[in-house]
C-alpha cells in the first residue's frame, strides 16, 4: 500500500488502510467488468473502498458497481477469453 500512497500524493484515500487487494485488468471489457464486480463486492463486504488508479479516484462500493454496469453493453461485442 505504501507504494500506492506515495505514487498518488494528490489522492485523498480517506484514511490509512491496513489491508489492500489489487485487481489487474489486461484490457478486455470482460476483465474490466470482472475486476470491478469483485472489487465492489469485496469493498462492500469489508467496509472498504475501491481505488481506480487510471482515474486517480477512490470509489465507494456503489460507484464501483456502477462502473461494472456501465461496461456491460460492451461485453456482447467482445469474445470471452
Protein backbone atom coordinates (compact mmCIF):
# COMPACT_ATOMS: atom_id res chain seq x y z
CA UNK A 1 0.00 0.00 0.00
CA UNK A 2 2.87 2.37 0.69
CA UNK A 3 3.83 2.46 -3.00
CA UNK A 4 0.26 3.35 -3.96
CA UNK A 5 0.09 6.10 -1.33
CA UNK A 6 3.47 7.52 -2.30
CA UNK A 7 2.64 7.28 -6.01
CA UNK A 8 -0.65 9.12 -5.57
CA UNK A 9 0.11 12.13 -3.37
CA UNK A 10 -2.92 14.10 -4.63
CA UNK A 11 -5.46 11.37 -3.85
CA UNK A 12 -7.44 11.52 -0.63
CA UNK A 13 -7.76 7.89 0.47
CA UNK A 14 -9.91 8.94 3.41
CA UNK A 15 -7.77 7.13 5.94
CA UNK A 16 -4.76 4.86 6.28
CA UNK A 17 -5.77 1.38 5.12
CA UNK A 18 -4.42 -1.71 6.88
CA UNK A 19 -5.12 -4.12 4.02
CA UNK A 20 -5.25 -3.83 0.25
CA UNK A 21 -6.27 -6.12 -2.58
CA UNK A 22 -5.28 -5.43 -6.19
CA UNK A 23 -7.05 -6.49 -9.38
CA UNK A 24 -5.23 -6.22 -12.69
CA UNK A 25 -7.05 -5.67 -15.95
CA UNK A 26 -5.36 -6.68 -19.17
CA UNK A 27 -7.52 -4.65 -21.49
CA UNK A 28 -10.73 -6.53 -22.23
CA UNK A 29 -14.18 -5.43 -21.13
CA UNK A 30 -14.72 -8.88 -19.58
CA UNK A 31 -11.67 -8.35 -17.38
CA UNK A 32 -12.75 -4.82 -16.52
CA UNK A 33 -16.24 -5.99 -15.61
CA UNK A 34 -14.94 -8.89 -13.50
CA UNK A 35 -12.43 -6.75 -11.64
CA UNK A 36 -14.98 -4.08 -10.79
CA UNK A 37 -17.64 -6.60 -9.74
CA UNK A 38 -15.14 -8.35 -7.45
CA UNK A 39 -13.74 -5.09 -6.10
CA UNK A 40 -17.21 -3.68 -5.40
CA UNK A 41 -18.28 -6.86 -3.61
CA UNK A 42 -15.09 -7.05 -1.56
CA UNK A 43 -15.26 -3.37 -0.62
CA UNK A 44 -18.91 -3.67 0.35
CA UNK A 45 -18.26 -6.77 2.49
CA UNK A 46 -15.30 -5.22 4.31
CA UNK A 47 -16.43 -1.61 4.64
CA UNK A 48 -13.69 -0.60 2.23
CA UNK A 49 -13.30 1.41 -0.93
CA UNK A 50 -12.07 0.88 -4.49
CA UNK A 51 -9.14 2.87 -5.86
CA UNK A 52 -9.22 3.35 -9.62
CA UNK A 53 -5.58 4.05 -10.39
CA UNK A 54 -6.34 5.00 -14.01
CA UNK A 55 -8.74 7.72 -12.92
CA UNK A 56 -6.92 8.53 -9.68
CA UNK A 57 -10.19 8.27 -7.75
CA UNK A 58 -11.36 6.47 -4.65
CA UNK A 59 -14.80 4.96 -5.25
CA UNK A 60 -17.49 3.72 -2.92
CA UNK A 61 -18.68 0.15 -3.47
CA UNK A 62 -21.81 1.52 -5.17
CA UNK A 63 -19.73 3.67 -7.52
CA UNK A 64 -17.53 0.68 -8.40
CA UNK A 65 -20.63 -1.41 -9.12
CA UNK A 66 -21.86 1.37 -11.42
CA UNK A 67 -18.57 1.23 -13.35
CA UNK A 68 -19.11 -2.51 -13.82
CA UNK A 69 -22.69 -1.93 -15.01
CA UNK A 70 -21.55 0.74 -17.45
CA UNK A 71 -19.18 -1.73 -19.13
CA UNK A 72 -21.88 -4.40 -19.62
CA UNK A 73 -23.08 -3.17 -23.06
CA UNK A 74 -19.55 -3.75 -24.39
CA UNK A 75 -19.43 -7.37 -23.21
CA UNK A 76 -21.65 -8.63 -26.03
CA UNK A 77 -19.31 -7.11 -28.64
CA UNK A 78 -16.19 -8.81 -27.29
CA UNK A 79 -15.50 -12.55 -27.35
CA UNK A 80 -14.97 -14.07 -23.90
CA UNK A 81 -11.42 -15.17 -23.16
